[in-house]
C-alpha atoms as a PDB file:
ATOM      1  CA  UNK A   1     -93.085   7.899 -30.413  1.00  0.00           C
ATOM      2  CA  UNK A   2     -91.936   8.326 -27.111  1.00  0.00           C
ATOM      3  CA  UNK A   3     -90.464  11.281 -25.119  1.00  0.00           C
ATOM      4  CA  UNK A   4     -87.322   9.617 -25.598  1.00  0.00           C
ATOM      5  CA  UNK A   5     -86.992  10.084 -29.224  1.00  0.00           C
ATOM      6  CA  UNK A   6     -88.311  13.546 -29.339  1.00  0.00           C
ATOM      7  CA  UNK A   7     -85.764  14.679 -26.357  1.00  0.00           C
ATOM      8  CA  UNK A   8     -83.038  13.641 -28.903  1.00  0.00           C
ATOM      9  CA  UNK A   9     -84.291  15.077 -31.668  1.00  0.00           C
ATOM     10  CA  UNK A  10     -85.091  17.829 -30.863  1.00  0.00           C
ATOM     11  CA  UNK A  11     -80.937  17.413 -29.038  1.00  0.00           C
ATOM     12  CA  UNK A  12     -80.055  17.164 -32.495  1.00  0.00           C
ATOM     13  CA  UNK A  13     -82.341  19.808 -34.580  1.00  0.00           C
ATOM     14  CA  UNK A  14     -80.655  22.688 -31.802  1.00  0.00           C
ATOM     15  CA  UNK A  15     -77.338  21.080 -32.618  1.00  0.00           C
ATOM     16  CA  UNK A  16     -77.407  21.044 -36.211  1.00  0.00           C
ATOM     17  CA  UNK A  17     -78.358  24.666 -36.471  1.00  0.00           C
ATOM     18  CA  UNK A  18     -74.907  25.681 -34.184  1.00  0.00           C
ATOM     19  CA  UNK A  19     -73.869  24.084 -36.565  1.00  0.00           C
ATOM     20  CA  UNK A  20     -74.523  24.966 -39.269  1.00  0.00           C
ATOM     21  CA  UNK A  21     -74.491  29.089 -37.998  1.00  0.00           C
ATOM     22  CA  UNK A  22     -70.842  28.276 -37.016  1.00  0.00           C
ATOM     23  CA  UNK A  23     -69.852  27.209 -40.432  1.00  0.00           C
ATOM     24  CA  UNK A  24     -71.852  30.510 -42.062  1.00  0.00           C
ATOM     25  CA  UNK A  25     -69.878  32.765 -39.750  1.00  0.00           C
ATOM     26  CA  UNK A  26     -65.884  31.044 -40.603  1.00  0.00           C
ATOM     27  CA  UNK A  27     -66.648  30.931 -44.784  1.00  0.00           C
ATOM     28  CA  UNK A  28     -66.913  34.431 -44.981  1.00  0.00           C
ATOM     29  CA  UNK A  29     -64.461  36.338 -46.086  1.00  0.00           C
ATOM     30  CA  UNK A  30     -61.560  38.226 -43.669  1.00  0.00           C
ATOM     31  CA  UNK A  31     -61.053  42.163 -43.587  1.00  0.00           C
ATOM     32  CA  UNK A  32     -58.587  42.392 -45.931  1.00  0.00           C
ATOM     33  CA  UNK A  33     -54.606  43.087 -43.851  1.00  0.00           C
ATOM     34  CA  UNK A  34     -53.913  46.594 -43.580  1.00  0.00           C
ATOM     35  CA  UNK A  35     -50.219  47.368 -46.059  1.00  0.00           C
ATOM     36  CA  UNK A  36     -47.308  47.673 -43.935  1.00  0.00           C
ATOM     37  CA  UNK A  37     -44.965  50.234 -45.032  1.00  0.00           C
ATOM     38  CA  UNK A  38     -41.604  49.086 -46.163  1.00  0.00           C
ATOM     39  CA  UNK A  39     -38.389  50.057 -44.660  1.00  0.00           C
ATOM     40  CA  UNK A  40     -36.353  52.148 -46.321  1.00  0.00           C
ATOM     41  CA  UNK A  41     -32.343  50.662 -46.050  1.00  0.00           C
ATOM     42  CA  UNK A  42     -29.354  52.199 -48.057  1.00  0.00           C
ATOM     43  CA  UNK A  43     -25.784  49.653 -47.651  1.00  0.00           C
ATOM     44  CA  UNK A  44     -23.403  51.895 -45.528  1.00  0.00           C
ATOM     45  CA  UNK A  45     -19.216  50.902 -44.858  1.00  0.00           C
ATOM     46  CA  UNK A  46     -18.158  49.670 -42.292  1.00  0.00           C
ATOM     47  CA  UNK A  47     -15.521  48.173 -40.041  1.00  0.00           C
ATOM     48  CA  UNK A  48     -15.847  44.575 -40.234  1.00  0.00           C
ATOM     49  CA  UNK A  49     -13.485  44.259 -37.328  1.00  0.00           C
ATOM     50  CA  UNK A  50     -11.170  46.342 -35.153  1.00  0.00           C
ATOM     51  CA  UNK A  51      -9.268  48.919 -36.289  1.00  0.00           C
ATOM     52  CA  UNK A  52      -6.398  50.676 -33.642  1.00  0.00           C
ATOM     53  CA  UNK A  53      -6.097  54.013 -33.852  1.00  0.00           C
ATOM     54  CA  UNK A  54      -2.817  53.862 -36.603  1.00  0.00           C
ATOM     55  CA  UNK A  55      -3.712  50.488 -37.795  1.00  0.00           C
ATOM     56  CA  UNK A  56      -3.590  50.490 -41.681  1.00  0.00           C
ATOM     57  CA  UNK A  57      -6.883  49.604 -43.863  1.00  0.00           C
ATOM     58  CA  UNK A  58      -7.217  46.750 -45.183  1.00  0.00           C
ATOM     59  CA  UNK A  59     -10.194  45.893 -48.005  1.00  0.00           C
ATOM     60  CA  UNK A  60     -11.276  42.342 -45.397  1.00  0.00           C
ATOM     61  CA  UNK A  61     -11.020  45.626 -42.516  1.00  0.00           C
ATOM     62  CA  UNK A  62     -14.248  46.708 -44.789  1.00  0.00           C
ATOM     63  CA  UNK A  63     -17.850  45.761 -45.216  1.00  0.00           C
ATOM     64  CA  UNK A  64     -21.258  47.168 -46.636  1.00  0.00           C
ATOM     65  CA  UNK A  65     -23.709  46.088 -44.819  1.00  0.00           C
ATOM     66  CA  UNK A  66     -27.892  47.325 -44.311  1.00  0.00           C
ATOM     67  CA  UNK A  67     -28.253  50.305 -42.229  1.00  0.00           C
ATOM     68  CA  UNK A  68     -32.145  51.936 -41.262  1.00  0.00           C
ATOM     69  CA  UNK A  69     -31.784  55.422 -44.186  1.00  0.00           C
ATOM     70  CA  UNK A  70     -33.603  56.975 -41.698  1.00  0.00           C
ATOM     71  CA  UNK A  71     -30.898  57.038 -39.091  1.00  0.00           C
ATOM     72  CA  UNK A  72     -27.933  57.407 -41.859  1.00  0.00           C
ATOM     73  CA  UNK A  73     -25.611  60.185 -41.549  1.00  0.00           C
ATOM     74  CA  UNK A  74     -24.624  62.017 -44.370  1.00  0.00           C
ATOM     75  CA  UNK A  75     -20.677  61.766 -42.475  1.00  0.00           C
ATOM     76  CA  UNK A  76     -21.694  57.171 -43.282  1.00  0.00           C
ATOM     77  CA  UNK A  77     -20.562  56.430 -47.101  1.00  0.00           C
ATOM     78  CA  UNK A  78     -22.839  54.415 -48.664  1.00  0.00           C
ATOM     79  CA  UNK A  79     -22.691  51.994 -51.657  1.00  0.00           C
ATOM     80  CA  UNK A  80     -25.408  54.925 -53.659  1.00  0.00           C
ATOM     81  CA  UNK A  81     -22.820  57.577 -53.541  1.00  0.00           C
ATOM     82  CA  UNK A  82     -19.152  56.312 -53.556  1.00  0.00           C
ATOM     83  CA  UNK A  83     -19.530  52.121 -54.728  1.00  0.00           C
ATOM     84  CA  UNK A  84     -15.096  52.282 -54.610  1.00  0.00           C
ATOM     85  CA  UNK A  85     -15.272  53.121 -51.699  1.00  0.00           C
ATOM     86  CA  UNK A  86     -13.276  50.276 -49.760  1.00  0.00           C
ATOM     87  CA  UNK A  87     -10.678  50.591 -52.717  1.00  0.00           C
ATOM     88  CA  UNK A  88     -10.119  54.217 -52.509  1.00  0.00           C
ATOM     89  CA  UNK A  89     -10.096  54.043 -48.338  1.00  0.00           C
ATOM     90  CA  UNK A  90      -7.097  50.520 -48.312  1.00  0.00           C
ATOM     91  CA  UNK A  91      -4.128  52.608 -47.636  1.00  0.00           C
ATOM     92  CA  UNK A  92      -5.573  54.765 -45.520  1.00  0.00           C
ATOM     93  CA  UNK A  93      -3.954  54.978 -41.932  1.00  0.00           C
ATOM     94  CA  UNK A  94      -6.805  54.978 -39.117  1.00  0.00           C
ATOM     95  CA  UNK A  95      -6.895  58.998 -37.168  1.00  0.00           C
ATOM     96  CA  UNK A  96      -9.134  57.431 -33.964  1.00  0.00           C
ATOM     97  CA  UNK A  97     -10.097  53.634 -33.621  1.00  0.00           C
ATOM     98  CA  UNK A  98     -12.639  51.714 -34.699  1.00  0.00           C
ATOM     99  CA  UNK A  99     -15.062  49.462 -33.316  1.00  0.00           C
ATOM    100  CA  UNK A 100     -16.164  46.486 -35.361  1.00  0.00           C
ATOM    101  CA  UNK A 101     -19.535  46.894 -37.528  1.00  0.00           C
ATOM    102  CA  UNK A 102     -19.040  50.839 -36.823  1.00  0.00           C
ATOM    103  CA  UNK A 103     -19.645  53.477 -39.964  1.00  0.00           C
ATOM    104  CA  UNK A 104     -17.497  54.170 -41.592  1.00  0.00           C
ATOM    105  CA  UNK A 105     -15.955  57.977 -41.056  1.00  0.00           C
ATOM    106  CA  UNK A 106     -13.590  59.691 -43.545  1.00  0.00           C
ATOM    107  CA  UNK A 107     -12.679  62.542 -41.231  1.00  0.00           C
ATOM    108  CA  UNK A 108     -11.347  59.922 -38.809  1.00  0.00           C
ATOM    109  CA  UNK A 109      -8.784  58.009 -41.643  1.00  0.00           C
ATOM    110  CA  UNK A 110      -6.166  59.628 -43.070  1.00  0.00           C
ATOM    111  CA  UNK A 111      -4.138  59.306 -46.146  1.00  0.00           C
ATOM    112  CA  UNK A 112      -0.584  58.661 -45.605  1.00  0.00           C
ATOM    113  CA  UNK A 113       0.797  59.085 -49.303  1.00  0.00           C
ATOM    114  CA  UNK A 114       4.166  57.172 -48.826  1.00  0.00           C
ATOM    115  CA  UNK A 115       4.160  59.592 -44.777  1.00  0.00           C
ATOM    116  CA  UNK A 116       4.809  58.741 -41.594  1.00  0.00           C
ATOM    117  CA  UNK A 117       2.007  57.468 -38.975  1.00  0.00           C
ATOM    118  CA  UNK A 118       3.323  60.239 -36.855  1.00  0.00           C
ATOM    119  CA  UNK A 119       3.607  62.436 -39.479  1.00  0.00           C
ATOM    120  CA  UNK A 120      -0.294  62.095 -40.603  1.00  0.00           C
ATOM    121  CA  UNK A 121      -2.531  61.978 -38.305  1.00  0.00           C
ATOM    122  CA  UNK A 122      -1.046  65.173 -36.779  1.00  0.00           C
ATOM    123  CA  UNK A 123      -3.143  67.968 -37.296  1.00  0.00           C
ATOM    124  CA  UNK A 124      -2.120  71.397 -39.377  1.00  0.00           C
ATOM    125  CA  UNK A 125      -0.017  73.439 -37.785  1.00  0.00           C
ATOM    126  CA  UNK A 126       1.189  71.462 -34.955  1.00  0.00           C
ATOM    127  CA  UNK A 127       4.709  69.626 -34.405  1.00  0.00           C
ATOM    128  CA  UNK A 128       5.261  66.016 -32.759  1.00  0.00           C
ATOM    129  CA  UNK A 129       7.493  66.411 -30.147  1.00  0.00           C
ATOM    130  CA  UNK A 130       9.260  63.543 -27.528  1.00  0.00           C
ATOM    131  CA  UNK A 131      10.412  64.214 -24.325  1.00  0.00           C
ATOM    132  CA  UNK A 132      11.984  61.988 -21.439  1.00  0.00           C
ATOM    133  CA  UNK A 133      10.597  60.737 -19.041  1.00  0.00           C
ATOM    134  CA  UNK A 134      10.477  58.173 -16.060  1.00  0.00           C
ATOM    135  CA  UNK A 135       8.272  55.959 -14.014  1.00  0.00           C
ATOM    136  CA  UNK A 136       7.916  58.444 -11.303  1.00  0.00           C
ATOM    137  CA  UNK A 137       7.606  62.007 -13.221  1.00  0.00           C
ATOM    138  CA  UNK A 138       4.529  59.982 -15.959  1.00  0.00           C
ATOM    139  CA  UNK A 139       1.979  58.459 -13.459  1.00  0.00           C
ATOM    140  CA  UNK A 140       3.555  56.050 -12.543  1.00  0.00           C
ATOM    141  CA  UNK A 141       3.123  54.400 -16.307  1.00  0.00           C
ATOM    142  CA  UNK A 142      -1.000  55.299 -16.668  1.00  0.00           C
ATOM    143  CA  UNK A 143       0.105  57.731 -18.849  1.00  0.00           C
ATOM    144  CA  UNK A 144      -1.514  56.472 -22.549  1.00  0.00           C
ATOM    145  CA  UNK A 145      -2.371  57.821 -25.697  1.00  0.00           C
ATOM    146  CA  UNK A 146      -4.107  60.287 -26.416  1.00  0.00           C
ATOM    147  CA  UNK A 147      -4.335  61.302 -22.747  1.00  0.00           C
ATOM    148  CA  UNK A 148      -3.898  65.077 -21.852  1.00  0.00           C
ATOM    149  CA  UNK A 149      -1.474  65.732 -19.366  1.00  0.00           C
ATOM    150  CA  UNK A 150       0.890  69.099 -17.784  1.00  0.00           C
ATOM    151  CA  UNK A 151       4.368  69.558 -18.690  1.00  0.00           C
ATOM    152  CA  UNK A 152       5.593  70.653 -15.445  1.00  0.00           C
ATOM    153  CA  UNK A 153       9.344  71.779 -14.446  1.00  0.00           C
ATOM    154  CA  UNK A 154      10.927  71.466 -11.503  1.00  0.00           C
ATOM    155  CA  UNK A 155      14.055  73.107 -10.944  1.00  0.00           C
ATOM    156  CA  UNK A 156      15.781  74.047  -7.599  1.00  0.00           C
ATOM    157  CA  UNK A 157      17.361  78.169  -7.388  1.00  0.00           C
ATOM    158  CA  UNK A 158      19.659  79.569  -5.296  1.00  0.00           C
ATOM    159  CA  UNK A 159      18.033  81.109  -1.704  1.00  0.00           C
ATOM    160  CA  UNK A 160      17.298  85.056  -1.831  1.00  0.00           C
ATOM    161  CA  UNK A 161      19.723  85.200   0.278  1.00  0.00           C
ATOM    162  CA  UNK A 162      22.898  83.315  -0.918  1.00  0.00           C
ATOM    163  CA  UNK A 163      23.083  81.326   1.624  1.00  0.00           C
ATOM    164  CA  UNK A 164      21.797  77.291   2.222  1.00  0.00           C
ATOM    165  CA  UNK A 165      20.605  75.351  -0.478  1.00  0.00           C
ATOM    166  CA  UNK A 166      19.317  76.208  -3.438  1.00  0.00           C
ATOM    167  CA  UNK A 167      15.032  76.401  -3.144  1.00  0.00           C
ATOM    168  CA  UNK A 168      13.082  73.653  -5.525  1.00  0.00           C
ATOM    169  CA  UNK A 169      10.613  75.335  -7.866  1.00  0.00           C
ATOM    170  CA  UNK A 170       7.957  74.137  -9.617  1.00  0.00           C
ATOM    171  CA  UNK A 171       5.328  75.261 -12.109  1.00  0.00           C
ATOM    172  CA  UNK A 172       3.395  74.394 -14.987  1.00  0.00           C
ATOM    173  CA  UNK A 173       4.737  75.498 -17.968  1.00  0.00           C
ATOM    174  CA  UNK A 174       2.459  74.294 -20.937  1.00  0.00           C
ATOM    175  CA  UNK A 175      -0.991  72.580 -19.791  1.00  0.00           C
ATOM    176  CA  UNK A 176      -3.226  70.481 -21.559  1.00  0.00           C
ATOM    177  CA  UNK A 177      -1.201  68.538 -24.032  1.00  0.00           C
ATOM    178  CA  UNK A 178      -2.798  65.935 -26.442  1.00  0.00           C
ATOM    179  CA  UNK A 179       0.538  62.565 -26.015  1.00  0.00           C
ATOM    180  CA  UNK A 180       0.505  60.969 -28.827  1.00  0.00           C
ATOM    181  CA  UNK A 181       2.031  58.241 -28.235  1.00  0.00           C
ATOM    182  CA  UNK A 182       4.568  56.426 -25.481  1.00  0.00           C
ATOM    183  CA  UNK A 183       8.272  53.998 -25.348  1.00  0.00           C
ATOM    184  CA  UNK A 184       6.394  51.635 -23.663  1.00  0.00           C
ATOM    185  CA  UNK A 185       8.662  48.428 -22.124  1.00  0.00           C
ATOM    186  CA  UNK A 186       7.073  45.903 -19.105  1.00  0.00           C
ATOM    187  CA  UNK A 187       8.345  45.952 -15.504  1.00  0.00           C
ATOM    188  CA  UNK A 188       7.592  43.564 -12.654  1.00  0.00           C
ATOM    189  CA  UNK A 189       6.436  46.039 -10.483  1.00  0.00           C
ATOM    190  CA  UNK A 190       5.257  44.261  -6.861  1.00  0.00           C
ATOM    191  CA  UNK A 191       4.368  40.786  -8.703  1.00  0.00           C
ATOM    192  CA  UNK A 192       2.907  41.848 -11.482  1.00  0.00           C
ATOM    193  CA  UNK A 193       3.458  43.317 -14.740  1.00  0.00           C
ATOM    194  CA  UNK A 194       3.445  47.151 -15.476  1.00  0.00           C
ATOM    195  CA  UNK A 195       3.946  49.154 -17.946  1.00  0.00           C
ATOM    196  CA  UNK A 196       6.061  52.186 -18.009  1.00  0.00           C
ATOM    197  CA  UNK A 197       6.922  54.973 -20.370  1.00  0.00           C
ATOM    198  CA  UNK A 198       9.957  56.468 -20.828  1.00  0.00           C
ATOM    199  CA  UNK A 199       9.558  58.974 -23.394  1.00  0.00           C
ATOM    200  CA  UNK A 200       6.572  60.076 -24.927  1.00  0.00           C
ATOM    201  CA  UNK A 201       5.675  61.841 -28.136  1.00  0.00           C
ATOM    202  CA  UNK A 202       2.990  65.354 -27.008  1.00  0.00           C
ATOM    203  CA  UNK A 203       1.305  67.625 -29.568  1.00  0.00           C
ATOM    204  CA  UNK A 204       2.914  71.087 -29.467  1.00  0.00           C
ATOM    205  CA  UNK A 205       2.300  74.411 -32.017  1.00  0.00           C
ATOM    206  CA  UNK A 206       5.459  75.117 -33.648  1.00  0.00           C
ATOM    207  CA  UNK A 207       5.744  78.073 -30.131  1.00  0.00           C
ATOM    208  CA  UNK A 208       4.933  74.821 -27.663  1.00  0.00           C
ATOM    209  CA  UNK A 209       8.235  73.452 -29.140  1.00  0.00           C
ATOM    210  CA  UNK A 210      10.481  76.467 -27.859  1.00  0.00           C
ATOM    211  CA  UNK A 211       8.656  76.079 -24.816  1.00  0.00           C
ATOM    212  CA  UNK A 212       9.523  72.445 -24.290  1.00  0.00           C
ATOM    213  CA  UNK A 213      13.431  72.841 -25.218  1.00  0.00           C
ATOM    214  CA  UNK A 214      14.437  75.700 -22.480  1.00  0.00           C
ATOM    215  CA  UNK A 215      12.803  73.429 -20.146  1.00  0.00           C
ATOM    216  CA  UNK A 216      14.477  70.674 -20.991  1.00  0.00           C
ATOM    217  CA  UNK A 217      17.229  72.552 -20.262  1.00  0.00           C
ATOM    218  CA  UNK A 218      17.044  74.850 -17.444  1.00  0.00           C
ATOM    219  CA  UNK A 219      15.367  71.527 -14.852  1.00  0.00           C
ATOM    220  CA  UNK A 220      12.940  67.798 -14.859  1.00  0.00           C
ATOM    221  CA  UNK A 221       9.796  67.921 -17.119  1.00  0.00           C
ATOM    222  CA  UNK A 222       7.279  66.156 -14.881  1.00  0.00           C
ATOM    223  CA  UNK A 223       3.694  65.110 -16.708  1.00  0.00           C
ATOM    224  CA  UNK A 224       0.559  65.315 -14.626  1.00  0.00           C
ATOM    225  CA  UNK A 225      -2.191  63.561 -16.240  1.00  0.00           C
ATOM    226  CA  UNK A 226      -5.706  65.143 -16.133  1.00  0.00           C
ATOM    227  CA  UNK A 227      -9.437  63.392 -16.311  1.00  0.00           C
ATOM    228  CA  UNK A 228     -11.568  63.219 -19.713  1.00  0.00           C
ATOM    229  CA  UNK A 229     -13.806  66.070 -17.482  1.00  0.00           C
ATOM    230  CA  UNK A 230     -11.383  68.746 -17.867  1.00  0.00           C
ATOM    231  CA  UNK A 231      -9.984  68.531 -21.930  1.00  0.00           C
ATOM    232  CA  UNK A 232     -11.727  71.883 -22.800  1.00  0.00           C
ATOM    233  CA  UNK A 233     -10.637  73.576 -19.192  1.00  0.00           C
ATOM    234  CA  UNK A 234      -9.187  76.693 -19.774  1.00  0.00           C
ATOM    235  CA  UNK A 235      -6.788  77.358 -16.841  1.00  0.00           C
ATOM    236  CA  UNK A 236      -6.235  81.258 -15.421  1.00  0.00           C
ATOM    237  CA  UNK A 237      -2.626  82.063 -15.936  1.00  0.00           C
ATOM    238  CA  UNK A 238      -2.351  82.381 -11.987  1.00  0.00           C
ATOM    239  CA  UNK A 239      -3.800  78.852 -11.194  1.00  0.00           C
ATOM    240  CA  UNK A 240      -0.679  77.170 -12.784  1.00  0.00           C
ATOM    241  CA  UNK A 241       2.676  78.463 -10.705  1.00  0.00           C
ATOM    242  CA  UNK A 242       2.500  75.560  -8.356  1.00  0.00           C
ATOM    243  CA  UNK A 243       4.691  76.412  -5.426  1.00  0.00           C
ATOM    244  CA  UNK A 244       7.144  74.522  -3.469  1.00  0.00           C
ATOM    245  CA  UNK A 245       5.282  71.959  -0.929  1.00  0.00           C
ATOM    246  CA  UNK A 246       1.934  72.378  -2.761  1.00  0.00           C
ATOM    247  CA  UNK A 247       0.280  68.875  -3.806  1.00  0.00           C
ATOM    248  CA  UNK A 248      -0.906  68.063  -7.375  1.00  0.00           C
ATOM    249  CA  UNK A 249      -4.452  66.511  -7.930  1.00  0.00           C
ATOM    250  CA  UNK A 250      -4.181  63.534 -10.952  1.00  0.00           C
ATOM    251  CA  UNK A 251      -7.505  62.903 -12.531  1.00  0.00           C
ATOM    252  CA  UNK A 252      -8.285  59.942 -14.727  1.00  0.00           C
ATOM    253  CA  UNK A 253     -12.280  59.276 -15.365  1.00  0.00           C
ATOM    254  CA  UNK A 254     -12.726  61.044 -11.890  1.00  0.00           C
ATOM    255  CA  UNK A 255     -11.045  58.782  -9.748  1.00  0.00           C
ATOM    256  CA  UNK A 256      -7.944  61.604  -8.254  1.00  0.00           C
ATOM    257  CA  UNK A 257      -4.719  60.739  -6.476  1.00  0.00           C
ATOM    258  CA  UNK A 258      -2.538  63.159  -4.138  1.00  0.00           C
ATOM    259  CA  UNK A 259       0.898  63.310  -5.891  1.00  0.00           C
ATOM    260  CA  UNK A 260       3.123  65.642  -3.976  1.00  0.00           C
ATOM    261  CA  UNK A 261       5.931  67.843  -5.267  1.00  0.00           C
ATOM    262  CA  UNK A 262       9.642  67.528  -4.794  1.00  0.00           C
ATOM    263  CA  UNK A 263      10.481  69.605  -1.903  1.00  0.00           C
END
């Protein structure tokens, strides 16, 4: 046997040994996989499509959706606790808007029981009072339902010395008032379409309705739009009066503009 044959035989033996080793390694039983924890879920009632403020809820607006049990709030409506929720909620009026996929909460719904929309969404102890406004007294048409406003009264007082023209005076008579609705009609302004309200409906306490009624007979009412960041702000009484010639900041979502009071 020559040297070449011996070399070939040696290589074959080595290759066979390697193949046998690899085969024995792959034939071993793999370690069992660790069990994966099963995620606990519940069926939650959600809005199938957007539901706007004041909209009457229909069955097509709702659907059941799988939701992680760990993140399901007690305020959500689950199929396990209220299987007939769709039937029970149908016909309710949305006191606040829902977006598609948002869990339904009964706190944001109200049963009309034959009453109109406005009576249904009014909180207990409050009244809805309407008053006329003009584009000049309505923050340029930017006041929308659910905004918060201050109500100002502008009137002309007689000159103390009895001479000359009457003296204009403005004061804030109501603060942090919620706008329930605003009558809007399209109006062309500088080539663009704007929505300008002419009648606003405010959410008032009984004593505030009396203040507003007296003010309407005394002068002109104006609305000052409040910032969303100022909703919980409590003003001091001495800061509520605007003297002649002072300016009023009209703020919404952090953007401010100066509006000069009538002189």
